[in-house]
Amino acid sequence: MGVFVVLPLVLPLTAWPMSRLAERRLHPRTATVLLTAVGAILAVCSTLCLALLGVVGTAQLPGNPLPDGWAAPEVRAAVPYDENVGFAAIGVLALVAAACGHTLWRHYRVRNGAWRALGDLPAEPAPAPTTATPVTTVTATEPPAPPALTVLPDEVPYAYALPGRAGSGRVVVSDAMLAGLGDPERRALVAHERAHLTGRHHRYLLASRLTASANPFLRPLWTAVAFSAERWADEEAAREVGDRRVVATAVGKAALISGPSPAPGIAGFAAVGPVPRRIAALLGPVPSARLWPPADGSLYAAALIAAAGTAASALSSLNAAVALFLVLKAATPL
């Protein structure tokens, strides 16, 4: 395996330039999906290589249930500095498992706790936004109902999208938040949170959190995905409301008056992402929905670096896995 087994642990560094440029130059939807996919591939590859190193380290432990041949010098020679790297990989892999487990536990604890707190509180259909262009298309099937809206009597202003266990979820807003916004801005707020639910943004956010837990070098991709998901919801709200300036005003007002969210970690209207950058983007032109924007040298260079790093990580993991499989197969007595 040689050095190929440790390359995927550091190759996520190649995605850093792409994470910064993608959230600024690509459409938010494209950036969210792309960065989540790249982060997932890099996280799987780095975790696989840790597991391969852990196999070598575990085989050296006395009393392990693995075949004796797996601790043979031929197997240990396949890993550079096997005595130190193998044992270290076991500890790191345990930390990765604990971090990912804690991330999953915290996500479902917060979500289920929020649903229990809502209990049987009444919900009303989310108000339909006023669009600049009337919709005249007639479809054979009725569109799905928008997520319900729950207004909580709370002096702390907040708003967040609460994903459901099997349904579309619910938009939760405090009356203090609604009191600080005008009617058009309230429609923008509800449209923003509804976009989080209909776009299943919580899945991208959870996946990016897990990748950052698996490899700390992927944390910039997590923050970029969080920002891009907010921008994605901003653009959907602007499209539904029909006025980008109204959405920008709503984001700014909500950021000024918002308090701590009772459901931390769940997408909130003004809780995630640099608000000034979101407002500046809303006051600018509509981002292109093309898969790839017009020629941009810096973005292309970053994309090539990220693609090369991702491909190298995948190939290195595959090479190490195949090499170790062949070595262990040869060392296992029949």
Protein backbone atom coordinates (compact mmCIF):
# COMPACT_ATOMS: atom_id res chain seq x y z
CA MET A 1 0.00 0.00 0.00
CA GLY A 2 2.84 2.36 0.80
CA VAL A 3 2.04 6.04 1.02
CA PHE A 4 -1.26 5.60 -0.83
CA VAL A 5 -2.95 4.52 2.39
CA VAL A 6 -2.36 7.87 4.10
CA LEU A 7 -2.98 10.21 1.17
CA PRO A 8 -6.80 10.28 1.54
CA LEU A 9 -6.36 11.61 5.07
CA VAL A 10 -4.86 14.88 3.80
CA LEU A 11 -6.26 15.17 0.28
CA PRO A 12 -9.44 16.93 1.55
CA LEU A 13 -7.23 20.02 1.75
CA THR A 14 -7.49 20.23 -2.03
CA ALA A 15 -11.22 21.03 -1.75
CA TRP A 16 -10.73 24.19 0.32
CA PRO A 17 -10.36 26.61 -2.62
CA MET A 18 -13.40 25.06 -4.31
CA SER A 19 -15.53 25.43 -1.18
CA ARG A 20 -14.88 29.18 -0.99
CA LEU A 21 -15.34 29.91 -4.68
CA ALA A 22 -18.35 27.61 -5.23
CA GLU A 23 -20.48 29.36 -2.62
CA ARG A 24 -19.79 32.69 -4.34
CA ARG A 25 -19.78 31.84 -8.04
CA LEU A 26 -22.13 28.86 -8.47
CA HIS A 27 -25.89 28.78 -8.10
CA PRO A 28 -26.64 27.98 -4.43
CA ARG A 29 -28.47 24.77 -5.36
CA THR A 30 -25.53 23.57 -7.45
CA ALA A 31 -23.01 24.54 -4.78
CA THR A 32 -24.95 22.73 -2.04
CA VAL A 33 -25.27 19.48 -3.96
CA LEU A 34 -21.73 19.56 -5.38
CA LEU A 35 -19.94 20.36 -2.12
CA THR A 36 -21.97 17.78 -0.20
CA ALA A 37 -21.11 15.08 -2.75
CA VAL A 38 -17.40 15.97 -2.80
CA GLY A 39 -17.25 16.02 0.98
CA ALA A 40 -19.01 12.66 1.26
CA ILE A 41 -16.59 11.00 -1.17
CA LEU A 42 -13.54 12.41 0.60
CA ALA A 43 -14.89 11.44 4.03
CA VAL A 44 -15.63 7.86 2.95
CA CYS A 45 -12.16 7.50 1.44
CA SER A 46 -10.37 8.83 4.52
CA THR A 47 -12.44 6.63 6.83
CA LEU A 48 -11.75 3.58 4.67
CA CYS A 49 -8.03 4.19 4.88
CA LEU A 50 -8.25 4.57 8.65
CA ALA A 51 -10.04 1.24 8.76
CA LEU A 52 -7.31 -0.38 6.65
CA LEU A 53 -4.63 0.98 8.95
CA GLY A 54 -6.68 -0.15 11.93
CA VAL A 55 -6.72 -3.71 10.61
CA VAL A 56 -2.94 -3.77 10.57
CA GLY A 57 -2.79 -2.22 14.04
CA THR A 58 -5.41 -4.57 15.46
CA ALA A 59 -3.58 -7.64 14.13
CA GLN A 60 -0.59 -6.68 16.27
CA LEU A 61 -2.56 -6.65 19.51
CA PRO A 62 -2.13 -9.77 21.68
CA GLY A 63 -5.22 -11.90 22.02
CA ASN A 64 -7.00 -10.46 18.99
CA PRO A 65 -9.42 -12.79 17.15
CA LEU A 66 -7.84 -12.14 13.75
CA PRO A 67 -5.83 -14.83 11.93
CA ASP A 68 -2.21 -15.06 13.07
CA GLY A 69 -1.01 -14.59 9.53
CA TRP A 70 -2.36 -11.04 9.50
CA ALA A 71 0.39 -10.02 11.93
CA ALA A 72 3.12 -11.50 9.74
CA PRO A 73 6.06 -9.26 8.76
CA GLU A 74 4.88 -9.34 5.13
CA VAL A 75 1.58 -7.72 6.13
CA ARG A 76 3.22 -5.14 8.37
CA ALA A 77 5.65 -4.25 5.61
CA ALA A 78 2.72 -3.10 3.48
CA VAL A 79 2.20 -0.11 5.81
CA PRO A 80 4.95 2.47 6.42
CA TYR A 81 5.84 2.78 10.12
CA ASP A 82 3.29 0.06 10.88
CA GLU A 83 3.92 -0.08 14.63
CA ASN A 84 3.05 3.58 15.18
CA VAL A 85 0.56 4.18 12.34
CA GLY A 86 -1.45 1.02 12.96
CA PHE A 87 -2.00 1.69 16.65
CA ALA A 88 -2.71 5.39 16.08
CA ALA A 89 -5.30 4.55 13.44
CA ILE A 90 -7.28 2.49 15.96
CA GLY A 91 -7.59 5.47 18.30
CA VAL A 92 -8.41 7.91 15.51
CA LEU A 93 -11.02 5.56 14.07
CA ALA A 94 -12.64 5.32 17.49
CA LEU A 95 -12.74 9.13 17.70
CA VAL A 96 -14.31 9.32 14.22
CA ALA A 97 -16.99 6.80 15.18
CA ALA A 98 -17.71 8.69 18.40
CA ALA A 99 -17.89 12.05 16.61
CA CYS A 100 -20.22 10.77 13.90
CA GLY A 101 -22.37 9.00 16.47
CA HIS A 102 -22.61 12.17 18.56
CA THR A 103 -23.56 14.19 15.47
CA LEU A 104 -26.37 11.78 14.60
CA TRP A 105 -27.57 11.57 18.20
CA ARG A 106 -27.61 15.36 18.59
CA HIS A 107 -29.46 15.85 15.29
CA TYR A 108 -32.25 13.42 16.10
CA ARG A 109 -32.41 14.50 19.76
CA VAL A 110 -32.94 18.15 18.76
CA ARG A 111 -35.46 17.28 16.05
CA ASN A 112 -37.47 14.86 18.18
CA GLY A 113 -37.31 17.22 21.15
CA ALA A 114 -38.69 20.04 19.02
CA TRP A 115 -41.55 17.86 17.85
CA ARG A 116 -42.34 16.82 21.41
CA ALA A 117 -42.30 20.47 22.50
CA LEU A 118 -44.81 21.34 19.80
CA GLY A 119 -47.07 18.55 20.96
CA ASP A 120 -50.64 19.11 19.82
CA LEU A 121 -50.22 22.81 19.10
CA PRO A 122 -52.47 23.86 16.22
CA ALA A 123 -50.93 24.44 12.81
CA GLU A 124 -52.30 26.41 9.92
CA PRO A 125 -51.44 26.17 6.23
CA ALA A 126 -48.55 28.40 5.22
CA PRO A 127 -49.82 31.49 3.43
CA ALA A 128 -49.41 31.45 -0.31
CA PRO A 129 -46.84 34.03 -1.44
CA THR A 130 -47.75 36.77 -3.84
CA THR A 131 -45.87 36.19 -7.10
CA ALA A 132 -45.10 38.78 -9.71
CA THR A 133 -46.18 36.50 -12.54
CA PRO A 134 -49.41 34.50 -12.23
CA VAL A 135 -49.11 30.78 -12.77
CA THR A 136 -51.28 29.52 -15.62
CA THR A 137 -49.96 25.99 -16.03
CA VAL A 138 -52.57 23.32 -15.31
CA THR A 139 -51.32 19.94 -14.13
CA ALA A 140 -53.12 16.62 -13.99
CA THR A 141 -52.27 16.05 -10.34
CA GLU A 142 -52.57 18.47 -7.45
CA PRO A 143 -49.28 19.81 -6.08
CA PRO A 144 -48.35 18.71 -2.56
CA ALA A 145 -49.62 20.91 0.23
CA PRO A 146 -47.05 23.38 1.59
CA PRO A 147 -45.64 22.73 5.07
CA ALA A 148 -47.88 23.90 7.88
CA LEU A 149 -47.08 27.01 9.90
CA THR A 150 -46.98 27.05 13.70
CA VAL A 151 -46.79 30.40 15.50
CA LEU A 152 -45.56 30.13 19.09
CA PRO A 153 -46.31 32.74 21.75
CA ASP A 154 -42.76 33.62 22.65
CA GLU A 155 -41.01 36.90 23.43
CA VAL A 156 -37.82 35.62 21.78
CA PRO A 157 -37.87 36.20 18.00
CA TYR A 158 -36.89 33.14 15.98
CA ALA A 159 -37.95 31.12 12.95
CA TYR A 160 -36.81 27.71 11.79
CA ALA A 161 -37.79 24.82 9.54
CA LEU A 162 -38.51 21.63 11.47
CA PRO A 163 -38.21 18.53 9.24
CA GLY A 164 -40.75 15.80 9.80
CA ARG A 165 -40.17 12.13 10.39
CA ALA A 166 -41.97 11.12 7.20
CA GLY A 167 -43.86 14.19 6.03
CA SER A 168 -42.92 17.62 4.81
CA GLY A 169 -42.24 19.08 8.25
CA ARG A 170 -43.42 22.32 9.77
CA VAL A 171 -42.43 25.99 9.73
CA VAL A 172 -42.11 27.27 13.31
CA VAL A 173 -42.13 31.02 13.99
CA SER A 174 -42.48 32.99 17.20
CA ASP A 175 -44.99 35.82 17.33
CA ALA A 176 -42.15 38.15 18.39
CA MET A 177 -40.45 37.48 15.05
CA LEU A 178 -43.65 38.14 13.11
CA ALA A 179 -44.23 41.35 15.07
CA GLY A 180 -40.90 42.72 13.88
CA LEU A 181 -41.65 42.17 10.19
CA GLY A 182 -44.11 43.66 7.76
CA ASP A 183 -46.59 41.61 5.78
CA PRO A 184 -44.38 41.17 2.66
CA GLU A 185 -41.41 40.27 4.86
CA ARG A 186 -43.48 37.70 6.73
CA ARG A 187 -44.34 36.03 3.44
CA ALA A 188 -40.64 36.04 2.55
CA LEU A 189 -39.76 34.45 5.89
CA VAL A 190 -42.33 31.67 5.50
CA ALA A 191 -41.29 31.07 1.87
CA HIS A 192 -37.64 30.81 2.98
CA GLU A 193 -38.36 28.23 5.67
CA ARG A 194 -40.71 26.33 3.37
CA ALA A 195 -37.89 26.14 0.80
CA HIS A 196 -35.69 24.48 3.42
CA LEU A 197 -38.30 21.78 3.90
CA THR A 198 -39.28 21.19 0.29
CA GLY A 199 -35.62 21.12 -0.77
CA ARG A 200 -34.72 18.67 2.03
CA HIS A 201 -31.87 20.95 3.05
CA HIS A 202 -31.60 19.23 6.43
CA ARG A 203 -30.24 16.16 4.64
CA TYR A 204 -27.42 18.11 3.02
CA LEU A 205 -26.63 19.81 6.31
CA LEU A 206 -26.55 16.52 8.20
CA ALA A 207 -24.38 14.87 5.54
CA SER A 208 -21.91 17.77 5.62
CA ARG A 209 -21.78 17.68 9.43
CA LEU A 210 -20.98 13.97 9.29
CA THR A 211 -18.17 14.54 6.78
CA ALA A 212 -16.67 17.22 9.03
CA SER A 213 -16.92 14.79 11.96
CA ALA A 214 -15.16 12.09 9.95
CA ASN A 215 -12.33 14.37 8.85
CA PRO A 216 -11.69 17.83 10.37
CA PHE A 217 -10.09 18.95 7.10
CA LEU A 218 -13.60 18.89 5.59
CA ARG A 219 -14.97 21.50 8.00
CA PRO A 220 -14.72 24.32 5.39
CA LEU A 221 -17.03 22.29 3.14
CA TRP A 222 -19.51 22.02 6.00
CA THR A 223 -19.61 25.80 6.51
CA ALA A 224 -19.86 26.34 2.74
CA VAL A 225 -22.80 23.92 2.48
CA ALA A 226 -24.56 25.65 5.39
CA PHE A 227 -24.18 29.03 3.70
CA SER A 228 -25.19 27.71 0.26
CA ALA A 229 -28.32 26.08 1.72
CA GLU A 230 -29.36 29.43 3.20
CA ARG A 231 -28.70 31.14 -0.13
CA TRP A 232 -30.69 28.43 -1.90
CA ALA A 233 -33.66 29.12 0.38
CA ASP A 234 -33.21 32.88 -0.15
CA GLU A 235 -33.41 32.48 -3.91
CA GLU A 236 -36.48 30.25 -3.69
CA ALA A 237 -38.16 32.79 -1.41
CA ALA A 238 -37.30 35.62 -3.81
CA ARG A 239 -38.72 33.65 -6.71
CA GLU A 240 -41.98 32.95 -4.88
CA VAL A 241 -42.43 36.41 -3.39
CA GLY A 242 -41.38 38.09 -6.63
CA ASP A 243 -39.19 40.76 -5.01
CA ARG A 244 -35.57 40.12 -4.07
CA ARG A 245 -35.35 43.39 -2.13
CA VAL A 246 -38.21 42.30 0.16
CA VAL A 247 -36.36 39.08 0.98
CA ALA A 248 -33.13 40.99 1.61
CA THR A 249 -34.99 43.36 3.95
CA ALA A 250 -36.57 40.42 5.77
CA VAL A 251 -33.17 38.73 6.24
CA GLY A 252 -31.66 41.95 7.59
CA LYS A 253 -34.51 42.68 10.00
CA ALA A 254 -34.63 39.10 11.23
CA ALA A 255 -30.88 39.12 11.88
CA LEU A 256 -31.18 42.33 13.93
CA ILE A 257 -34.02 41.14 16.15
CA SER A 258 -33.49 37.36 16.24
CA GLY A 259 -32.62 35.59 19.47
CA PRO A 260 -31.22 32.13 20.15
CA SER A 261 -33.06 29.37 18.34
CA PRO A 262 -34.77 26.80 20.58
CA ALA A 263 -33.70 24.14 18.06
CA PRO A 264 -29.96 24.68 17.48
CA GLY A 265 -28.56 22.92 14.45
CA ILE A 266 -31.79 23.17 12.46
CA ALA A 267 -31.89 25.60 9.54
CA GLY A 268 -33.05 29.02 10.72
CA PHE A 269 -33.94 32.19 8.89
CA ALA A 270 -31.07 34.31 10.18
CA ALA A 271 -29.05 31.84 12.26
CA VAL A 272 -26.74 30.32 9.63
CA GLY A 273 -24.39 31.98 7.20
CA PRO A 274 -22.95 35.50 7.05
CA VAL A 275 -26.03 37.71 6.79
CA PRO A 276 -24.31 40.65 5.01
CA ARG A 277 -23.19 38.35 2.20
CA ARG A 278 -26.69 36.95 1.85
CA ILE A 279 -28.16 40.43 1.64
CA ALA A 280 -25.55 41.55 -0.89
CA ALA A 281 -26.31 38.50 -3.04
CA LEU A 282 -30.05 39.22 -2.92
CA LEU A 283 -29.49 42.83 -3.95
CA GLY A 284 -27.36 41.65 -6.89
CA PRO A 285 -28.41 39.87 -10.07
CA VAL A 286 -30.19 36.54 -10.06
CA PRO A 287 -27.58 33.75 -10.10
CA SER A 288 -27.44 31.65 -13.22
CA ALA A 289 -29.18 28.29 -12.93
CA ARG A 290 -26.75 26.71 -15.39
CA LEU A 291 -24.76 23.75 -14.13
CA TRP A 292 -21.61 25.73 -14.78
CA PRO A 293 -21.25 29.53 -14.99
CA PRO A 294 -19.39 31.49 -17.70
CA ALA A 295 -15.63 31.19 -17.91
CA ASP A 296 -13.93 32.01 -14.61
CA GLY A 297 -10.25 31.19 -14.38
CA SER A 298 -10.04 31.05 -10.58
CA LEU A 299 -13.14 28.88 -10.27
CA TYR A 300 -11.99 26.49 -12.98
CA ALA A 301 -8.58 26.17 -11.34
CA ALA A 302 -10.17 25.46 -7.94
CA ALA A 303 -12.54 22.94 -9.53
CA LEU A 304 -9.65 21.15 -11.20
CA ILE A 305 -7.71 21.01 -7.93
CA ALA A 306 -10.75 19.67 -6.05
CA ALA A 307 -11.53 17.15 -8.80
CA ALA A 308 -7.92 15.98 -8.86
CA GLY A 309 -7.83 15.66 -5.08
CA THR A 310 -11.12 13.75 -4.99
CA ALA A 311 -10.04 11.41 -7.78
CA ALA A 312 -6.64 10.85 -6.18
CA SER A 313 -8.29 10.14 -2.83
CA ALA A 314 -10.67 7.60 -4.37
CA LEU A 315 -7.90 5.91 -6.36
CA SER A 316 -5.56 5.84 -3.37
CA SER A 317 -8.24 4.27 -1.18
CA LEU A 318 -9.05 1.70 -3.85
CA ASN A 319 -5.37 0.91 -4.39
CA ALA A 320 -4.75 0.51 -0.66
CA ALA A 321 -7.86 -1.62 -0.16
CA VAL A 322 -7.01 -3.97 -3.05
CA ALA A 323 -3.35 -4.20 -2.00
CA LEU A 324 -4.21 -5.00 1.61
CA PHE A 325 -6.85 -7.52 0.52
CA LEU A 326 -4.32 -9.37 -1.60
CA VAL A 327 -1.68 -9.26 1.12
CA LEU A 328 -4.09 -10.52 3.80
CA LYS A 329 -5.41 -13.22 1.48
CA ALA A 330 -1.89 -14.44 0.84
CA ALA A 331 -1.08 -14.35 4.59
CA THR A 332 -4.23 -16.21 5.66
CA PRO A 333 -3.61 -19.95 6.07
CA LEU A 334 -6.02 -22.19 4.17
